[in-house]
Amino acid sequence: MKRPGLWIGGALALGLAGCAPSPEPAGADGPAIAPDTVTAALRDAHGQAIAEAVVQQVGDSLRVRIDATRMARGAYGAHLHTIGRCDAPGFTTAGAHWNPTGQQHGKDNPRGMHKGDLPNLMVGTDGRGSLEYTIPDASISGPRNPLVDADGAAVVIHAMPDDYRTDPSGNSGARIACGVLG
């Protein structure tokens, strides 16, 4: 036996649920909702996508992952930079390393390290490699050491490995790839 009352009630409930306001970032009427993940396609000076980066908020930390897909074998310095701009060929528009706590560069520097200092990206003979790293006491755009601010942020790969101690950039050489986080 069919129960038309249940069917009509269910359809009415679904219809009303469709009328409910959906959560969206607020504009001038209220605070914006901070994203919990930002990504970047890293491109070389010729505009070729060679890696991808993902930064995710995990509690009061940031989890950073970079996956290289088309790079020469070797070790490369990788850093988070303060400006969300990647003008080729030198990518200097990405600014300095992200350093909200005013430290020096490198995990091996007694006066380091920048929040934007990452481990070296290791790439194999197949052109692929990855790194994953957690940055404590940081946020994507929240109140505590925000990475993405009004002028954005970028991920940069350098030509040489980072020595983890030389300020300000770990002797990691020229910037060879860059991606704006968004």
N, C-alpha and C. Protein backbone atom coordinates (compact mmCIF):
# COMPACT_ATOMS: atom_id res chain seq x y z
N MET A 1 0.84 -1.17 0.00
CA MET A 1 0.00 0.00 0.00
C MET A 1 0.89 1.24 0.00
N LYS A 2 0.57 2.17 -0.89
CA LYS A 2 1.37 3.40 -0.98
C LYS A 2 0.89 4.38 0.06
N ARG A 3 1.81 5.20 0.52
CA ARG A 3 1.49 6.20 1.53
C ARG A 3 1.76 7.57 0.95
N PRO A 4 0.78 8.19 0.28
CA PRO A 4 1.01 9.48 -0.35
C PRO A 4 1.41 10.56 0.64
N GLY A 5 0.98 10.47 1.86
CA GLY A 5 1.33 11.50 2.84
C GLY A 5 2.82 11.55 3.10
N LEU A 6 3.47 10.35 3.17
CA LEU A 6 4.92 10.31 3.38
C LEU A 6 5.66 10.86 2.18
N TRP A 7 5.21 10.51 0.98
CA TRP A 7 5.86 10.98 -0.23
C TRP A 7 5.77 12.49 -0.34
N ILE A 8 4.60 13.05 -0.09
CA ILE A 8 4.40 14.50 -0.18
C ILE A 8 5.21 15.20 0.90
N GLY A 9 5.21 14.64 2.11
CA GLY A 9 5.98 15.25 3.20
C GLY A 9 7.46 15.25 2.90
N GLY A 10 7.98 14.13 2.32
CA GLY A 10 9.39 14.05 1.96
C GLY A 10 9.74 15.05 0.88
N ALA A 11 8.88 15.17 -0.14
CA ALA A 11 9.13 16.13 -1.22
C ALA A 11 9.10 17.55 -0.69
N LEU A 12 8.17 17.84 0.23
CA LEU A 12 8.10 19.17 0.81
C LEU A 12 9.37 19.48 1.60
N ALA A 13 9.84 18.51 2.37
CA ALA A 13 11.07 18.72 3.15
C ALA A 13 12.26 18.98 2.23
N LEU A 14 12.38 18.21 1.16
CA LEU A 14 13.48 18.43 0.22
C LEU A 14 13.37 19.79 -0.44
N GLY A 15 12.18 20.17 -0.80
CA GLY A 15 11.98 21.49 -1.43
C GLY A 15 12.34 22.62 -0.49
N LEU A 16 11.97 22.51 0.76
CA LEU A 16 12.31 23.56 1.73
C LEU A 16 13.80 23.59 2.01
N ALA A 17 14.44 22.43 2.02
CA ALA A 17 15.88 22.39 2.25
C ALA A 17 16.61 23.12 1.12
N GLY A 18 16.09 23.03 -0.09
CA GLY A 18 16.69 23.73 -1.21
C GLY A 18 16.57 25.23 -1.08
N CYS A 19 15.64 25.71 -0.28
CA CYS A 19 15.46 27.15 -0.08
C CYS A 19 16.35 27.71 1.02
N ALA A 20 16.93 26.83 1.81
CA ALA A 20 17.77 27.29 2.91
C ALA A 20 19.01 27.96 2.36
N PRO A 21 19.47 29.02 3.01
CA PRO A 21 20.68 29.69 2.52
C PRO A 21 21.89 28.76 2.65
N SER A 22 22.73 28.76 1.64
CA SER A 22 23.93 27.94 1.70
C SER A 22 25.06 28.76 2.28
N PRO A 23 25.94 28.09 3.05
CA PRO A 23 27.05 28.84 3.64
C PRO A 23 28.00 29.31 2.56
N GLU A 24 28.28 30.59 2.55
CA GLU A 24 29.21 31.19 1.60
C GLU A 24 30.09 32.18 2.34
N PRO A 25 31.24 32.45 1.78
CA PRO A 25 32.06 33.48 2.40
C PRO A 25 31.30 34.80 2.41
N ALA A 26 31.36 35.48 3.51
CA ALA A 26 30.65 36.74 3.63
C ALA A 26 31.46 37.86 3.00
N GLY A 27 30.78 38.86 2.55
CA GLY A 27 31.44 40.03 1.99
C GLY A 27 31.46 41.14 3.02
N ALA A 28 30.95 42.29 2.65
CA ALA A 28 30.95 43.44 3.53
C ALA A 28 30.00 43.25 4.70
N ASP A 29 29.10 42.27 4.62
CA ASP A 29 28.11 42.06 5.67
C ASP A 29 28.64 41.24 6.84
N GLY A 30 29.79 40.62 6.69
CA GLY A 30 30.29 39.79 7.78
C GLY A 30 31.68 39.27 7.46
N PRO A 31 32.26 38.51 8.39
CA PRO A 31 33.61 38.01 8.18
C PRO A 31 33.64 36.94 7.10
N ALA A 32 34.73 36.88 6.36
CA ALA A 32 34.90 35.85 5.35
C ALA A 32 35.29 34.54 6.03
N ILE A 33 34.88 33.45 5.43
CA ILE A 33 35.25 32.14 5.95
C ILE A 33 36.60 31.78 5.36
N ALA A 34 37.56 31.48 6.23
CA ALA A 34 38.91 31.17 5.77
C ALA A 34 38.93 29.81 5.10
N PRO A 35 39.66 29.68 3.98
CA PRO A 35 39.75 28.38 3.32
C PRO A 35 40.60 27.43 4.16
N ASP A 36 40.32 26.13 4.04
CA ASP A 36 41.16 25.17 4.77
C ASP A 36 42.20 24.52 3.87
N THR A 37 42.15 24.82 2.56
CA THR A 37 43.13 24.30 1.61
C THR A 37 43.36 25.32 0.51
N VAL A 38 44.61 25.54 0.14
CA VAL A 38 44.95 26.35 -1.03
C VAL A 38 45.93 25.54 -1.87
N THR A 39 45.89 25.77 -3.18
CA THR A 39 46.73 25.01 -4.10
C THR A 39 47.45 25.96 -5.05
N ALA A 40 48.48 25.44 -5.70
CA ALA A 40 49.22 26.22 -6.71
C ALA A 40 49.78 25.27 -7.75
N ALA A 41 49.65 25.67 -9.01
CA ALA A 41 50.36 24.99 -10.10
C ALA A 41 51.68 25.72 -10.27
N LEU A 42 52.78 25.02 -10.10
CA LEU A 42 54.11 25.63 -10.23
C LEU A 42 54.56 25.52 -11.67
N ARG A 43 54.91 26.66 -12.25
CA ARG A 43 55.31 26.73 -13.65
C ARG A 43 56.74 27.23 -13.75
N ASP A 44 57.44 26.72 -14.76
CA ASP A 44 58.80 27.18 -15.00
C ASP A 44 58.77 28.49 -15.79
N ALA A 45 59.93 29.01 -16.15
CA ALA A 45 60.03 30.30 -16.84
C ALA A 45 59.37 30.28 -18.22
N HIS A 46 59.13 29.08 -18.78
CA HIS A 46 58.48 28.96 -20.08
C HIS A 46 56.97 28.75 -19.96
N GLY A 47 56.48 28.75 -18.71
CA GLY A 47 55.05 28.57 -18.49
C GLY A 47 54.59 27.13 -18.41
N GLN A 48 55.52 26.18 -18.42
CA GLN A 48 55.18 24.76 -18.35
C GLN A 48 54.93 24.35 -16.89
N ALA A 49 53.81 23.68 -16.64
CA ALA A 49 53.51 23.18 -15.30
C ALA A 49 54.46 22.02 -15.00
N ILE A 50 55.23 22.15 -13.92
CA ILE A 50 56.20 21.11 -13.57
C ILE A 50 55.96 20.52 -12.18
N ALA A 51 55.09 21.14 -11.40
CA ALA A 51 54.80 20.64 -10.05
C ALA A 51 53.48 21.23 -9.57
N GLU A 52 52.97 20.65 -8.50
CA GLU A 52 51.75 21.15 -7.87
C GLU A 52 51.98 21.20 -6.37
N ALA A 53 51.43 22.23 -5.73
CA ALA A 53 51.54 22.35 -4.28
C ALA A 53 50.15 22.42 -3.66
N VAL A 54 50.02 21.83 -2.48
CA VAL A 54 48.79 21.88 -1.71
C VAL A 54 49.17 22.26 -0.29
N VAL A 55 48.50 23.28 0.25
CA VAL A 55 48.70 23.68 1.64
C VAL A 55 47.36 23.52 2.34
N GLN A 56 47.34 22.73 3.41
CA GLN A 56 46.10 22.43 4.11
C GLN A 56 46.22 22.80 5.58
N GLN A 57 45.16 23.41 6.11
CA GLN A 57 45.09 23.72 7.54
C GLN A 57 44.76 22.43 8.27
N VAL A 58 45.60 22.06 9.24
CA VAL A 58 45.37 20.88 10.06
C VAL A 58 45.55 21.32 11.50
N GLY A 59 44.46 21.59 12.17
CA GLY A 59 44.54 22.12 13.53
C GLY A 59 45.21 23.47 13.51
N ASP A 60 46.25 23.65 14.34
CA ASP A 60 46.97 24.93 14.36
C ASP A 60 48.26 24.87 13.54
N SER A 61 48.30 23.94 12.58
CA SER A 61 49.48 23.76 11.72
C SER A 61 49.08 23.78 10.25
N LEU A 62 50.07 23.96 9.40
CA LEU A 62 49.87 23.87 7.96
C LEU A 62 50.60 22.63 7.45
N ARG A 63 49.91 21.84 6.66
CA ARG A 63 50.51 20.67 6.01
C ARG A 63 50.78 21.06 4.57
N VAL A 64 52.06 21.03 4.16
CA VAL A 64 52.46 21.42 2.81
C VAL A 64 52.90 20.17 2.05
N ARG A 65 52.40 20.03 0.82
CA ARG A 65 52.83 18.94 -0.04
C ARG A 65 53.13 19.50 -1.42
N ILE A 66 54.30 19.14 -1.95
CA ILE A 66 54.67 19.52 -3.32
C ILE A 66 54.94 18.23 -4.08
N ASP A 67 54.31 18.10 -5.23
CA ASP A 67 54.51 16.96 -6.11
C ASP A 67 55.06 17.45 -7.44
N ALA A 68 56.30 17.05 -7.74
CA ALA A 68 56.91 17.39 -9.02
C ALA A 68 56.54 16.32 -10.04
N THR A 69 56.29 16.76 -11.26
CA THR A 69 55.90 15.82 -12.31
C THR A 69 56.80 15.87 -13.54
N ARG A 70 57.49 17.00 -13.73
CA ARG A 70 58.30 17.16 -14.95
C ARG A 70 59.55 17.96 -14.65
N MET A 71 60.44 17.41 -13.84
CA MET A 71 61.66 18.12 -13.49
C MET A 71 62.87 17.22 -13.72
N ALA A 72 64.03 17.83 -13.89
CA ALA A 72 65.27 17.07 -14.01
C ALA A 72 65.60 16.44 -12.66
N ARG A 73 66.28 15.31 -12.71
CA ARG A 73 66.71 14.62 -11.49
C ARG A 73 67.56 15.55 -10.64
N GLY A 74 67.36 15.51 -9.31
CA GLY A 74 68.19 16.29 -8.42
C GLY A 74 67.44 16.74 -7.17
N ALA A 75 68.13 17.56 -6.39
CA ALA A 75 67.58 18.13 -5.16
C ALA A 75 67.38 19.62 -5.37
N TYR A 76 66.25 20.13 -4.91
CA TYR A 76 65.88 21.53 -5.13
C TYR A 76 65.37 22.15 -3.84
N GLY A 77 65.81 23.38 -3.57
CA GLY A 77 65.25 24.13 -2.46
C GLY A 77 63.82 24.51 -2.79
N ALA A 78 62.96 24.48 -1.79
CA ALA A 78 61.56 24.86 -1.96
C ALA A 78 61.15 25.72 -0.77
N HIS A 79 60.42 26.79 -1.05
CA HIS A 79 60.04 27.72 0.01
C HIS A 79 58.67 28.32 -0.26
N LEU A 80 58.04 28.76 0.82
CA LEU A 80 56.83 29.57 0.71
C LEU A 80 57.28 31.03 0.71
N HIS A 81 56.73 31.81 -0.20
CA HIS A 81 57.12 33.22 -0.34
C HIS A 81 55.94 34.14 -0.04
N THR A 82 56.26 35.38 0.30
CA THR A 82 55.29 36.31 0.87
C THR A 82 54.30 36.97 -0.08
N ILE A 83 54.55 36.93 -1.37
CA ILE A 83 53.67 37.64 -2.31
C ILE A 83 53.13 36.66 -3.35
N GLY A 84 51.86 36.74 -3.60
CA GLY A 84 51.20 35.87 -4.56
C GLY A 84 51.34 36.38 -5.98
N ARG A 85 52.57 36.41 -6.44
CA ARG A 85 52.84 36.87 -7.80
C ARG A 85 54.05 36.11 -8.34
N CYS A 86 53.94 35.63 -9.57
CA CYS A 86 54.99 34.80 -10.16
C CYS A 86 55.30 35.26 -11.58
N ASP A 87 55.99 36.39 -11.70
CA ASP A 87 56.34 36.90 -13.02
C ASP A 87 57.65 36.26 -13.48
N ALA A 88 57.57 35.56 -14.63
CA ALA A 88 58.76 34.93 -15.21
C ALA A 88 59.61 36.01 -15.88
N PRO A 89 60.89 35.79 -16.06
CA PRO A 89 61.55 34.51 -15.85
C PRO A 89 62.13 34.32 -14.46
N GLY A 90 62.36 35.38 -13.70
CA GLY A 90 63.08 35.24 -12.43
C GLY A 90 62.22 35.03 -11.20
N PHE A 91 60.91 35.24 -11.30
CA PHE A 91 59.97 35.04 -10.20
C PHE A 91 60.31 35.86 -8.95
N THR A 92 61.04 36.95 -9.10
CA THR A 92 61.39 37.80 -7.96
C THR A 92 60.17 38.51 -7.39
N THR A 93 59.11 38.60 -8.17
CA THR A 93 57.88 39.25 -7.70
C THR A 93 57.21 38.47 -6.58
N ALA A 94 57.65 37.24 -6.32
CA ALA A 94 57.10 36.45 -5.22
C ALA A 94 57.61 36.94 -3.86
N GLY A 95 58.54 37.88 -3.88
CA GLY A 95 59.05 38.44 -2.63
C GLY A 95 59.98 37.49 -1.89
N ALA A 96 60.16 37.79 -0.61
CA ALA A 96 61.07 37.02 0.26
C ALA A 96 60.36 35.79 0.80
N HIS A 97 61.12 34.98 1.52
CA HIS A 97 60.53 33.82 2.19
C HIS A 97 59.53 34.30 3.23
N TRP A 98 58.48 33.54 3.39
CA TRP A 98 57.47 33.83 4.41
C TRP A 98 58.13 33.65 5.78
N ASN A 99 58.15 34.74 6.57
CA ASN A 99 58.89 34.75 7.83
C ASN A 99 58.17 35.63 8.87
N PRO A 100 56.95 35.25 9.26
CA PRO A 100 56.18 36.11 10.17
C PRO A 100 56.77 36.22 11.57
N THR A 101 57.67 35.34 11.95
CA THR A 101 58.23 35.37 13.29
C THR A 101 59.61 36.02 13.35
N GLY A 102 60.11 36.52 12.20
CA GLY A 102 61.36 37.27 12.18
C GLY A 102 62.61 36.45 12.48
N GLN A 103 62.65 35.20 12.05
CA GLN A 103 63.81 34.34 12.28
C GLN A 103 64.80 34.46 11.12
N GLN A 104 65.93 33.79 11.25
CA GLN A 104 66.86 33.67 10.12
C GLN A 104 66.52 32.38 9.38
N HIS A 105 67.24 32.11 8.31
CA HIS A 105 66.90 30.98 7.45
C HIS A 105 67.49 29.66 7.91
N GLY A 106 66.69 28.62 7.81
CA GLY A 106 67.19 27.26 7.88
C GLY A 106 67.06 26.54 9.19
N LYS A 107 66.70 25.28 9.09
CA LYS A 107 66.52 24.45 10.29
C LYS A 107 67.84 24.22 11.03
N ASP A 108 68.97 24.35 10.33
CA ASP A 108 70.28 24.16 10.97
C ASP A 108 70.92 25.47 11.43
N ASN A 109 70.24 26.56 11.22
CA ASN A 109 70.73 27.87 11.67
C ASN A 109 70.28 28.06 13.11
N PRO A 110 71.19 28.36 14.05
CA PRO A 110 70.78 28.53 15.44
C PRO A 110 69.80 29.68 15.63
N ARG A 111 69.73 30.60 14.67
CA ARG A 111 68.78 31.72 14.76
C ARG A 111 67.62 31.55 13.79
N GLY A 112 67.44 30.34 13.25
CA GLY A 112 66.38 30.07 12.27
C GLY A 112 65.20 29.45 12.94
N MET A 113 64.18 29.20 12.25
CA MET A 113 64.03 29.14 10.83
C MET A 113 62.79 29.90 10.39
N HIS A 114 62.75 30.29 9.12
CA HIS A 114 61.55 30.93 8.57
C HIS A 114 60.40 29.93 8.59
N LYS A 115 59.18 30.40 8.73
CA LYS A 115 58.02 29.51 8.60
C LYS A 115 57.96 28.95 7.18
N GLY A 116 58.46 29.71 6.20
CA GLY A 116 58.41 29.28 4.81
C GLY A 116 59.52 28.36 4.36
N ASP A 117 60.42 27.98 5.26
CA ASP A 117 61.50 27.06 4.91
C ASP A 117 60.94 25.63 4.86
N LEU A 118 61.18 24.96 3.74
CA LEU A 118 60.71 23.59 3.54
C LEU A 118 61.90 22.67 3.30
N PRO A 119 61.70 21.36 3.44
CA PRO A 119 62.78 20.44 3.09
C PRO A 119 63.04 20.49 1.59
N ASN A 120 64.20 19.99 1.18
CA ASN A 120 64.51 19.93 -0.24
C ASN A 120 63.56 18.98 -0.96
N LEU A 121 63.24 19.35 -2.18
CA LEU A 121 62.42 18.53 -3.06
C LEU A 121 63.37 17.59 -3.80
N MET A 122 63.20 16.30 -3.62
CA MET A 122 64.06 15.29 -4.25
C MET A 122 63.33 14.71 -5.45
N VAL A 123 63.95 14.84 -6.64
CA VAL A 123 63.34 14.39 -7.88
C VAL A 123 64.16 13.25 -8.46
N GLY A 124 63.48 12.20 -8.86
CA GLY A 124 64.14 11.02 -9.42
C GLY A 124 64.34 11.11 -10.93
N THR A 125 64.90 10.05 -11.49
CA THR A 125 65.18 10.01 -12.93
C THR A 125 63.92 10.07 -13.78
N ASP A 126 62.77 9.73 -13.21
CA ASP A 126 61.51 9.78 -13.96
C ASP A 126 60.89 11.17 -13.96
N GLY A 127 61.58 12.17 -13.36
CA GLY A 127 61.06 13.53 -13.32
C GLY A 127 60.05 13.79 -12.22
N ARG A 128 59.86 12.79 -11.36
CA ARG A 128 58.87 12.92 -10.28
C ARG A 128 59.56 12.94 -8.92
N GLY A 129 58.93 13.67 -8.01
CA GLY A 129 59.41 13.73 -6.64
C GLY A 129 58.38 14.44 -5.79
N SER A 130 58.54 14.34 -4.49
CA SER A 130 57.58 15.02 -3.61
C SER A 130 58.23 15.33 -2.28
N LEU A 131 57.60 16.27 -1.61
CA LEU A 131 57.96 16.56 -0.23
C LEU A 131 56.67 16.83 0.52
N GLU A 132 56.70 16.51 1.78
CA GLU A 132 55.58 16.78 2.65
C GLU A 132 56.15 17.28 3.97
N TYR A 133 55.54 18.35 4.49
CA TYR A 133 56.11 18.99 5.68
C TYR A 133 54.99 19.68 6.46
N THR A 134 55.09 19.66 7.77
CA THR A 134 54.12 20.34 8.63
C THR A 134 54.77 21.55 9.28
N ILE A 135 54.10 22.69 9.14
CA ILE A 135 54.57 23.95 9.74
C ILE A 135 53.72 24.21 10.98
N PRO A 136 54.30 24.13 12.18
CA PRO A 136 53.51 24.35 13.39
C PRO A 136 53.17 25.82 13.60
N ASP A 137 52.10 26.04 14.36
CA ASP A 137 51.71 27.39 14.78
C ASP A 137 51.57 28.34 13.59
N ALA A 138 50.76 27.96 12.62
CA ALA A 138 50.57 28.76 11.42
C ALA A 138 49.15 28.53 10.88
N SER A 139 48.69 29.48 10.07
CA SER A 139 47.36 29.35 9.48
C SER A 139 47.40 29.83 8.03
N ILE A 140 46.43 29.37 7.26
CA ILE A 140 46.35 29.82 5.88
C ILE A 140 46.02 31.30 5.85
N SER A 141 44.97 31.69 6.54
CA SER A 141 44.61 33.12 6.55
C SER A 141 43.98 33.53 7.88
N GLY A 142 44.23 32.75 8.91
CA GLY A 142 43.65 33.04 10.22
C GLY A 142 44.47 34.03 11.01
N PRO A 143 44.17 34.12 12.29
CA PRO A 143 44.82 35.13 13.13
C PRO A 143 46.25 34.80 13.53
N ARG A 144 46.65 33.55 13.45
CA ARG A 144 47.96 33.13 13.96
C ARG A 144 48.92 32.87 12.80
N ASN A 145 49.91 33.73 12.60
CA ASN A 145 50.91 33.58 11.55
C ASN A 145 50.29 33.20 10.20
N PRO A 146 49.46 34.09 9.65
CA PRO A 146 48.79 33.77 8.39
C PRO A 146 49.75 33.76 7.21
N LEU A 147 49.60 32.74 6.35
CA LEU A 147 50.40 32.63 5.14
C LEU A 147 49.85 33.52 4.04
N VAL A 148 48.57 33.42 3.77
CA VAL A 148 47.95 34.17 2.68
C VAL A 148 47.33 35.44 3.26
N ASP A 149 47.88 36.58 2.86
CA ASP A 149 47.36 37.87 3.33
C ASP A 149 46.85 38.66 2.13
N ALA A 150 46.74 39.97 2.26
CA ALA A 150 46.15 40.81 1.21
C ALA A 150 46.89 40.70 -0.12
N ASP A 151 48.21 40.48 -0.09
CA ASP A 151 48.94 40.35 -1.36
C ASP A 151 49.27 38.90 -1.71
N GLY A 152 48.62 37.96 -1.03
CA GLY A 152 48.74 36.55 -1.38
C GLY A 152 49.99 35.89 -0.87
N ALA A 153 50.33 34.76 -1.48
CA ALA A 153 51.52 33.98 -1.14
C ALA A 153 51.83 33.07 -2.33
N ALA A 154 53.07 32.60 -2.39
CA ALA A 154 53.49 31.75 -3.50
C ALA A 154 54.39 30.64 -3.00
N VAL A 155 54.53 29.61 -3.84
CA VAL A 155 55.47 28.53 -3.61
C VAL A 155 56.53 28.64 -4.69
N VAL A 156 57.81 28.59 -4.28
CA VAL A 156 58.91 28.74 -5.23
C VAL A 156 59.85 27.54 -5.12
N ILE A 157 60.30 27.04 -6.27
CA ILE A 157 61.33 26.02 -6.33
C ILE A 157 62.59 26.68 -6.86
N HIS A 158 63.71 26.39 -6.19
CA HIS A 158 65.00 26.98 -6.56
C HIS A 158 65.85 25.96 -7.32
N ALA A 159 66.89 26.44 -8.00
CA ALA A 159 67.72 25.62 -8.88
C ALA A 159 68.61 24.62 -8.14
N MET A 160 68.95 24.91 -6.89
CA MET A 160 69.89 24.06 -6.15
C MET A 160 69.29 23.66 -4.81
N PRO A 161 69.88 22.66 -4.15
CA PRO A 161 69.37 22.30 -2.83
C PRO A 161 69.63 23.39 -1.80
N ASP A 162 68.78 23.46 -0.83
CA ASP A 162 68.91 24.38 0.29
C ASP A 162 69.93 23.79 1.26
N ASP A 163 70.86 24.62 1.76
CA ASP A 163 71.84 24.12 2.73
C ASP A 163 71.31 24.17 4.17
N TYR A 164 70.10 24.67 4.35
CA TYR A 164 69.39 24.71 5.64
C TYR A 164 70.02 25.61 6.70
N ARG A 165 70.93 26.51 6.30
CA ARG A 165 71.54 27.37 7.33
C ARG A 165 71.89 28.78 6.86
N THR A 166 72.17 28.98 5.58
CA THR A 166 72.62 30.29 5.11
C THR A 166 71.44 31.23 4.95
N ASP A 167 71.51 32.37 5.64
CA ASP A 167 70.45 33.37 5.58
C ASP A 167 70.71 34.30 4.39
N PRO A 168 69.74 34.66 3.58
CA PRO A 168 68.31 34.46 3.77
C PRO A 168 67.69 33.32 2.97
N SER A 169 68.47 32.63 2.09
CA SER A 169 67.80 31.67 1.21
C SER A 169 68.44 30.29 1.15
N GLY A 170 69.39 30.00 1.99
CA GLY A 170 69.98 28.67 2.02
C GLY A 170 70.86 28.35 0.83
N ASN A 171 71.39 29.41 0.17
CA ASN A 171 72.24 29.20 -1.02
C ASN A 171 71.58 28.29 -2.05
N SER A 172 70.27 28.43 -2.20
CA SER A 172 69.53 27.52 -3.08
C SER A 172 69.44 28.01 -4.52
N GLY A 173 70.08 29.10 -4.83
CA GLY A 173 70.18 29.53 -6.22
C GLY A 173 68.95 30.21 -6.78
N ALA A 174 68.94 30.30 -8.10
CA ALA A 174 67.88 31.01 -8.82
C ALA A 174 66.52 30.36 -8.61
N ARG A 175 65.49 31.17 -8.77
CA ARG A 175 64.12 30.68 -8.69
C ARG A 175 63.76 30.13 -10.07
N ILE A 176 63.43 28.83 -10.13
CA ILE A 176 63.18 28.20 -11.43
C ILE A 176 61.72 27.85 -11.68
N ALA A 177 60.89 27.90 -10.64
CA ALA A 177 59.46 27.62 -10.80
C ALA A 177 58.71 28.35 -9.70
N CYS A 178 57.47 28.71 -10.00
CA CYS A 178 56.68 29.47 -9.03
C CYS A 178 55.20 29.20 -9.26
N GLY A 179 54.43 29.22 -8.18
CA GLY A 179 53.00 29.08 -8.26
C GLY A 179 52.31 29.91 -7.20
N VAL A 180 51.25 30.61 -7.57
CA VAL A 180 50.48 31.43 -6.64
C VAL A 180 49.48 30.55 -5.92
N LEU A 181 49.44 30.64 -4.59
CA LEU A 181 48.50 29.88 -3.79
C LEU A 181 47.12 30.53 -3.83
N GLY A 182 46.13 29.74 -4.09
CA GLY A 182 44.77 30.28 -4.11
C GLY A 182 43.75 29.19 -4.10
